[in-house]
Amino acid sequence: MVAEGDQVAVYFIFEGKHTGIPFFGIPATEKNVRFSLMMLLRIIDGKIIEKRSHVDVHNILRQLGVNS
């Protein structure tokens, strides 16, 4: 997490197993996945007023065996 002025950048790494509800219509595969998420926030008076995020969905689908 990095902050300057009213801007905050956050980088997450998620790891888990694809179980339960479908992901983009794909039934649970029981496969392990690992992916990152980048989020840019603008905060004013302690409240998030703008949020932008990026996740590589293609990478997740590849790990689930949907895309090559």
C-alpha atoms as a PDB file:
ATOM      1  CA  MET A   1       0.000   0.000   0.000  1.00  0.00           C
ATOM      2  CA  VAL A   2       1.323   3.417  -0.972  1.00  0.00           C
ATOM      3  CA  ALA A   3      -0.360   6.746  -0.327  1.00  0.00           C
ATOM      4  CA  GLU A   4       0.302  10.294  -1.428  1.00  0.00           C
ATOM      5  CA  GLY A   5      -2.137  13.161  -1.038  1.00  0.00           C
ATOM      6  CA  ASP A   6      -5.646  11.834  -1.640  1.00  0.00           C
ATOM      7  CA  GLN A   7      -4.420   8.860  -3.728  1.00  0.00           C
ATOM      8  CA  VAL A   8      -3.820   5.336  -2.381  1.00  0.00           C
ATOM      9  CA  ALA A   9      -2.488   2.385  -4.384  1.00  0.00           C
ATOM     10  CA  VAL A  10      -3.062  -1.123  -3.029  1.00  0.00           C
ATOM     11  CA  TYR A  11      -1.672  -4.403  -4.392  1.00  0.00           C
ATOM     12  CA  PHE A  12      -3.188  -7.701  -3.271  1.00  0.00           C
ATOM     13  CA  ILE A  13      -2.247 -11.311  -3.935  1.00  0.00           C
ATOM     14  CA  PHE A  14      -5.016 -13.860  -3.519  1.00  0.00           C
ATOM     15  CA  GLU A  15      -4.625 -17.615  -3.248  1.00  0.00           C
ATOM     16  CA  GLY A  16      -7.371 -20.150  -2.880  1.00  0.00           C
ATOM     17  CA  LYS A  17      -9.281 -23.089  -4.229  1.00  0.00           C
ATOM     18  CA  HIS A  18     -12.102 -22.681  -6.755  1.00  0.00           C
ATOM     19  CA  THR A  19     -15.023 -24.165  -4.830  1.00  0.00           C
ATOM     20  CA  GLY A  20     -18.637 -23.226  -4.270  1.00  0.00           C
ATOM     21  CA  ILE A  21     -20.390 -20.789  -6.581  1.00  0.00           C
ATOM     22  CA  PRO A  22     -19.525 -20.603 -10.303  1.00  0.00           C
ATOM     23  CA  PHE A  23     -16.903 -18.077 -11.452  1.00  0.00           C
ATOM     24  CA  PHE A  24     -17.873 -16.431 -14.764  1.00  0.00           C
ATOM     25  CA  GLY A  25     -20.270 -19.334 -15.263  1.00  0.00           C
ATOM     26  CA  ILE A  26     -17.600 -21.990 -14.629  1.00  0.00           C
ATOM     27  CA  PRO A  27     -18.685 -24.606 -12.075  1.00  0.00           C
ATOM     28  CA  ALA A  28     -16.283 -25.266  -9.203  1.00  0.00           C
ATOM     29  CA  THR A  29     -13.138 -27.018 -10.447  1.00  0.00           C
ATOM     30  CA  GLU A  30     -11.447 -27.634  -7.067  1.00  0.00           C
ATOM     31  CA  LYS A  31      -8.266 -26.197  -8.651  1.00  0.00           C
ATOM     32  CA  ASN A  32      -5.918 -23.903  -6.745  1.00  0.00           C
ATOM     33  CA  VAL A  33      -5.592 -20.376  -8.123  1.00  0.00           C
ATOM     34  CA  ARG A  34      -3.280 -17.470  -7.400  1.00  0.00           C
ATOM     35  CA  PHE A  35      -3.785 -13.991  -8.816  1.00  0.00           C
ATOM     36  CA  SER A  36      -3.067 -10.362  -8.103  1.00  0.00           C
ATOM     37  CA  LEU A  37      -5.283  -7.311  -7.939  1.00  0.00           C
ATOM     38  CA  MET A  38      -4.236  -3.672  -8.210  1.00  0.00           C
ATOM     39  CA  MET A  39      -6.542  -1.025  -6.787  1.00  0.00           C
ATOM     40  CA  LEU A  40      -6.275   2.756  -6.966  1.00  0.00           C
ATOM     41  CA  LEU A  41      -8.356   4.734  -4.487  1.00  0.00           C
ATOM     42  CA  ARG A  42      -9.084   8.421  -4.041  1.00  0.00           C
ATOM     43  CA  ILE A  43      -9.979   9.348  -0.484  1.00  0.00           C
ATOM     44  CA  ILE A  44     -11.474  12.614   0.709  1.00  0.00           C
ATOM     45  CA  ASP A  45     -12.535  13.308   4.302  1.00  0.00           C
ATOM     46  CA  GLY A  46     -11.813   9.680   5.213  1.00  0.00           C
ATOM     47  CA  LYS A  47     -14.173   8.292   2.551  1.00  0.00           C
ATOM     48  CA  ILE A  48     -13.383   6.452  -0.663  1.00  0.00           C
ATOM     49  CA  ILE A  49     -14.881   8.590  -3.416  1.00  0.00           C
ATOM     50  CA  GLU A  50     -13.285   6.859  -6.395  1.00  0.00           C
ATOM     51  CA  LYS A  51     -12.071   3.299  -6.922  1.00  0.00           C
ATOM     52  CA  ARG A  52     -10.371   1.730  -9.921  1.00  0.00           C
ATOM     53  CA  SER A  53      -9.151  -1.828  -9.985  1.00  0.00           C
ATOM     54  CA  HIS A  54      -7.478  -4.261 -12.339  1.00  0.00           C
ATOM     55  CA  VAL A  55      -7.375  -8.039 -12.209  1.00  0.00           C
ATOM     56  CA  ASP A  56      -6.103 -10.358 -14.947  1.00  0.00           C
ATOM     57  CA  VAL A  57      -9.210 -12.507 -15.424  1.00  0.00           C
ATOM     58  CA  HIS A  58      -7.559 -14.312 -18.358  1.00  0.00           C
ATOM     59  CA  ASN A  59      -4.890 -15.571 -15.968  1.00  0.00           C
ATOM     60  CA  ILE A  60      -7.534 -16.895 -13.564  1.00  0.00           C
ATOM     61  CA  LEU A  61      -9.410 -18.634 -16.383  1.00  0.00           C
ATOM     62  CA  ARG A  62      -6.153 -20.192 -17.613  1.00  0.00           C
ATOM     63  CA  GLN A  63      -5.476 -21.570 -14.138  1.00  0.00           C
ATOM     64  CA  LEU A  64      -8.968 -23.059 -14.087  1.00  0.00           C
ATOM     65  CA  GLY A  65      -8.248 -24.768 -17.397  1.00  0.00           C
ATOM     66  CA  VAL A  66     -10.665 -22.684 -19.490  1.00  0.00           C
ATOM     67  CA  ASN A  67      -8.153 -20.728 -21.632  1.00  0.00           C
ATOM     68  CA  SER A  68      -4.779 -21.884 -22.879  1.00  0.00           C
END
